[in-house]
Amino acid sequence: MNPQAVLDLCHEHAAAEAESDIDRVLATLVPAPRFDFFPLAKSMVGWATVDHFYRNQYAEFAKRVVGYEMLGEWTSEYAAIQ
């Protein structure tokens, strides 16, 4: 996938999260997703873990987010970082 397509997919993922459309969120993922959370040094690895988070914990997590600031976006043909 070219870097722009990866970034477009990242934006689709974020839009689906904003609408709490979990099926749409999951449709943006690769078969073996990995999320790394900095500076917490925490990760979510693998489909089962990520699926469980979005289906069972995301709604509660999202309620606790009081804001964010996008510092930048970086992408390659393999991944996107925001």
N, C-alpha and C. Protein backbone atom coordinates (compact mmCIF):
# COMPACT_ATOMS: atom_id res chain seq x y z
N MET A 1 0.86 -1.18 0.00
CA MET A 1 0.00 0.00 0.00
C MET A 1 0.90 1.23 0.00
N ASN A 2 0.57 2.21 -0.81
CA ASN A 2 1.42 3.41 -0.83
C ASN A 2 1.17 4.24 0.43
N PRO A 3 2.14 5.09 0.81
CA PRO A 3 2.01 5.86 2.06
C PRO A 3 0.73 6.69 2.16
N GLN A 4 0.27 7.29 1.07
CA GLN A 4 -0.96 8.09 1.14
C GLN A 4 -2.17 7.21 1.44
N ALA A 5 -2.21 6.01 0.86
CA ALA A 5 -3.31 5.08 1.14
C ALA A 5 -3.29 4.65 2.61
N VAL A 6 -2.10 4.46 3.16
CA VAL A 6 -1.98 4.11 4.58
C VAL A 6 -2.51 5.27 5.43
N LEU A 7 -2.14 6.49 5.10
CA LEU A 7 -2.60 7.65 5.85
C LEU A 7 -4.11 7.82 5.72
N ASP A 8 -4.66 7.60 4.52
CA ASP A 8 -6.11 7.67 4.33
C ASP A 8 -6.82 6.64 5.20
N LEU A 9 -6.26 5.44 5.29
CA LEU A 9 -6.84 4.40 6.13
C LEU A 9 -6.77 4.79 7.61
N CYS A 10 -5.68 5.43 8.00
CA CYS A 10 -5.54 5.93 9.38
C CYS A 10 -6.62 6.96 9.69
N HIS A 11 -6.87 7.85 8.74
CA HIS A 11 -7.93 8.86 8.93
C HIS A 11 -9.30 8.21 9.00
N GLU A 12 -9.55 7.18 8.19
CA GLU A 12 -10.82 6.45 8.25
C GLU A 12 -10.97 5.79 9.62
N HIS A 13 -9.89 5.23 10.14
CA HIS A 13 -9.90 4.59 11.46
C HIS A 13 -10.30 5.62 12.53
N ALA A 14 -9.68 6.78 12.49
CA ALA A 14 -9.97 7.84 13.47
C ALA A 14 -11.41 8.32 13.36
N ALA A 15 -11.92 8.46 12.14
CA ALA A 15 -13.31 8.89 11.95
C ALA A 15 -14.27 7.85 12.51
N ALA A 16 -13.97 6.58 12.28
CA ALA A 16 -14.83 5.51 12.80
C ALA A 16 -14.79 5.49 14.33
N GLU A 17 -13.62 5.71 14.92
CA GLU A 17 -13.54 5.80 16.38
C GLU A 17 -14.39 6.95 16.90
N ALA A 18 -14.31 8.10 16.25
CA ALA A 18 -15.07 9.27 16.68
C ALA A 18 -16.57 9.01 16.66
N GLU A 19 -17.03 8.13 15.76
CA GLU A 19 -18.45 7.80 15.66
C GLU A 19 -18.79 6.52 16.44
N SER A 20 -17.79 5.97 17.13
CA SER A 20 -17.97 4.70 17.88
C SER A 20 -18.54 3.58 17.02
N ASP A 21 -18.12 3.56 15.76
CA ASP A 21 -18.54 2.52 14.82
C ASP A 21 -17.47 1.41 14.85
N ILE A 22 -17.62 0.49 15.78
CA ILE A 22 -16.58 -0.50 16.06
C ILE A 22 -16.33 -1.42 14.88
N ASP A 23 -17.36 -1.86 14.19
CA ASP A 23 -17.14 -2.71 13.02
C ASP A 23 -16.32 -1.98 11.96
N ARG A 24 -16.61 -0.71 11.78
CA ARG A 24 -15.86 0.10 10.82
C ARG A 24 -14.41 0.30 11.28
N VAL A 25 -14.22 0.51 12.59
CA VAL A 25 -12.85 0.61 13.14
C VAL A 25 -12.08 -0.65 12.82
N LEU A 26 -12.67 -1.80 13.16
CA LEU A 26 -11.97 -3.07 12.98
C LEU A 26 -11.69 -3.36 11.51
N ALA A 27 -12.53 -2.85 10.62
CA ALA A 27 -12.31 -3.06 9.18
C ALA A 27 -11.07 -2.33 8.67
N THR A 28 -10.55 -1.39 9.43
CA THR A 28 -9.36 -0.65 9.01
C THR A 28 -8.07 -1.33 9.43
N LEU A 29 -8.16 -2.41 10.17
CA LEU A 29 -6.96 -3.04 10.74
C LEU A 29 -6.40 -4.16 9.88
N VAL A 30 -5.11 -4.38 10.04
CA VAL A 30 -4.44 -5.53 9.42
C VAL A 30 -4.77 -6.77 10.24
N PRO A 31 -4.52 -7.97 9.71
CA PRO A 31 -4.87 -9.20 10.44
C PRO A 31 -4.16 -9.36 11.80
N ALA A 32 -2.98 -8.78 11.94
CA ALA A 32 -2.24 -8.89 13.21
C ALA A 32 -1.87 -7.48 13.68
N PRO A 33 -2.86 -6.71 14.19
CA PRO A 33 -2.61 -5.32 14.55
C PRO A 33 -1.72 -5.19 15.80
N ARG A 34 -1.06 -4.06 15.87
CA ARG A 34 -0.25 -3.71 17.04
C ARG A 34 -0.42 -2.22 17.30
N PHE A 35 -0.80 -1.89 18.51
CA PHE A 35 -0.91 -0.51 18.95
C PHE A 35 0.11 -0.30 20.06
N ASP A 36 0.95 0.73 19.92
CA ASP A 36 1.92 1.10 20.95
C ASP A 36 1.54 2.47 21.49
N PHE A 37 1.46 2.58 22.79
CA PHE A 37 1.04 3.83 23.44
C PHE A 37 2.24 4.44 24.16
N PHE A 38 2.65 5.59 23.65
CA PHE A 38 3.78 6.30 24.24
C PHE A 38 3.23 7.52 24.96
N PRO A 39 3.76 7.94 26.06
CA PRO A 39 4.92 7.41 26.78
C PRO A 39 4.56 6.34 27.82
N LEU A 40 3.41 5.74 27.71
CA LEU A 40 2.98 4.76 28.71
C LEU A 40 3.74 3.44 28.65
N ALA A 41 4.44 3.20 27.56
CA ALA A 41 5.15 1.93 27.36
C ALA A 41 4.18 0.74 27.45
N LYS A 42 3.00 0.91 26.87
CA LYS A 42 1.98 -0.14 26.82
C LYS A 42 1.70 -0.48 25.36
N SER A 43 1.30 -1.73 25.14
CA SER A 43 0.98 -2.19 23.78
C SER A 43 -0.26 -3.05 23.79
N MET A 44 -0.95 -3.08 22.66
CA MET A 44 -2.00 -4.07 22.39
C MET A 44 -1.54 -4.79 21.14
N VAL A 45 -1.44 -6.10 21.22
CA VAL A 45 -0.89 -6.87 20.11
C VAL A 45 -1.83 -8.03 19.77
N GLY A 46 -2.13 -8.18 18.49
CA GLY A 46 -2.93 -9.30 18.02
C GLY A 46 -4.40 -8.97 17.89
N TRP A 47 -5.03 -9.69 16.94
CA TRP A 47 -6.43 -9.44 16.63
C TRP A 47 -7.34 -9.62 17.85
N ALA A 48 -7.19 -10.72 18.58
CA ALA A 48 -8.09 -11.00 19.70
C ALA A 48 -8.03 -9.91 20.75
N THR A 49 -6.84 -9.42 21.06
CA THR A 49 -6.67 -8.37 22.08
C THR A 49 -7.30 -7.06 21.62
N VAL A 50 -7.03 -6.68 20.38
CA VAL A 50 -7.56 -5.41 19.86
C VAL A 50 -9.08 -5.49 19.69
N ASP A 51 -9.57 -6.59 19.19
CA ASP A 51 -11.01 -6.79 19.05
C ASP A 51 -11.70 -6.69 20.42
N HIS A 52 -11.13 -7.35 21.42
CA HIS A 52 -11.70 -7.30 22.77
C HIS A 52 -11.72 -5.86 23.30
N PHE A 53 -10.63 -5.14 23.12
CA PHE A 53 -10.57 -3.76 23.58
C PHE A 53 -11.69 -2.92 22.94
N TYR A 54 -11.80 -2.99 21.62
CA TYR A 54 -12.80 -2.15 20.95
C TYR A 54 -14.23 -2.57 21.28
N ARG A 55 -14.49 -3.83 21.39
CA ARG A 55 -15.86 -4.29 21.64
C ARG A 55 -16.27 -4.20 23.12
N ASN A 56 -15.30 -4.25 24.03
CA ASN A 56 -15.64 -4.33 25.45
C ASN A 56 -15.12 -3.19 26.31
N GLN A 57 -14.14 -2.45 25.83
CA GLN A 57 -13.55 -1.41 26.68
C GLN A 57 -13.50 -0.03 26.04
N TYR A 58 -13.62 0.06 24.73
CA TYR A 58 -13.44 1.34 24.06
C TYR A 58 -14.43 2.41 24.52
N ALA A 59 -15.67 2.06 24.68
CA ALA A 59 -16.68 3.06 25.08
C ALA A 59 -16.31 3.72 26.40
N GLU A 60 -15.86 2.93 27.36
CA GLU A 60 -15.45 3.49 28.66
C GLU A 60 -14.17 4.31 28.51
N PHE A 61 -13.23 3.80 27.75
CA PHE A 61 -11.98 4.53 27.50
C PHE A 61 -12.29 5.89 26.86
N ALA A 62 -13.12 5.90 25.83
CA ALA A 62 -13.41 7.13 25.10
C ALA A 62 -14.04 8.19 25.99
N LYS A 63 -14.85 7.77 26.96
CA LYS A 63 -15.47 8.73 27.88
C LYS A 63 -14.43 9.45 28.73
N ARG A 64 -13.29 8.83 28.94
CA ARG A 64 -12.26 9.39 29.80
C ARG A 64 -11.29 10.32 29.07
N VAL A 65 -11.36 10.32 27.76
CA VAL A 65 -10.49 11.19 26.98
C VAL A 65 -11.05 12.60 27.02
N VAL A 66 -10.30 13.52 27.57
CA VAL A 66 -10.78 14.90 27.72
C VAL A 66 -10.22 15.83 26.65
N GLY A 67 -9.31 15.33 25.85
CA GLY A 67 -8.75 16.13 24.77
C GLY A 67 -7.48 15.50 24.25
N TYR A 68 -7.02 16.02 23.14
CA TYR A 68 -5.77 15.56 22.57
C TYR A 68 -5.25 16.63 21.63
N GLU A 69 -3.99 16.53 21.31
CA GLU A 69 -3.38 17.44 20.36
C GLU A 69 -2.59 16.60 19.36
N MET A 70 -2.88 16.77 18.09
CA MET A 70 -2.14 16.07 17.05
C MET A 70 -0.81 16.79 16.86
N LEU A 71 0.27 16.11 17.14
CA LEU A 71 1.60 16.70 16.99
C LEU A 71 2.16 16.50 15.60
N GLY A 72 1.70 15.47 14.93
CA GLY A 72 2.16 15.21 13.58
C GLY A 72 1.70 13.85 13.10
N GLU A 73 1.93 13.59 11.84
CA GLU A 73 1.60 12.30 11.24
C GLU A 73 2.79 11.85 10.40
N TRP A 74 3.13 10.58 10.54
CA TRP A 74 4.20 9.99 9.76
C TRP A 74 3.68 8.68 9.19
N THR A 75 4.05 8.40 7.96
CA THR A 75 3.55 7.18 7.34
C THR A 75 4.59 6.59 6.40
N SER A 76 4.43 5.31 6.18
CA SER A 76 5.21 4.59 5.18
C SER A 76 4.24 3.64 4.49
N GLU A 77 4.76 2.75 3.66
CA GLU A 77 3.86 1.79 3.02
C GLU A 77 3.37 0.72 4.00
N TYR A 78 3.91 0.72 5.23
CA TYR A 78 3.57 -0.31 6.22
C TYR A 78 2.79 0.18 7.44
N ALA A 79 2.94 1.43 7.80
CA ALA A 79 2.37 1.89 9.07
C ALA A 79 2.15 3.39 9.06
N ALA A 80 1.33 3.82 10.00
CA ALA A 80 1.12 5.25 10.23
C ALA A 80 1.26 5.53 11.72
N ILE A 81 1.82 6.67 12.03
CA ILE A 81 1.99 7.08 13.43
C ILE A 81 1.39 8.46 13.57
N GLN A 82 0.59 8.63 14.60
CA GLN A 82 0.04 9.95 14.90
C GLN A 82 0.42 10.29 16.33
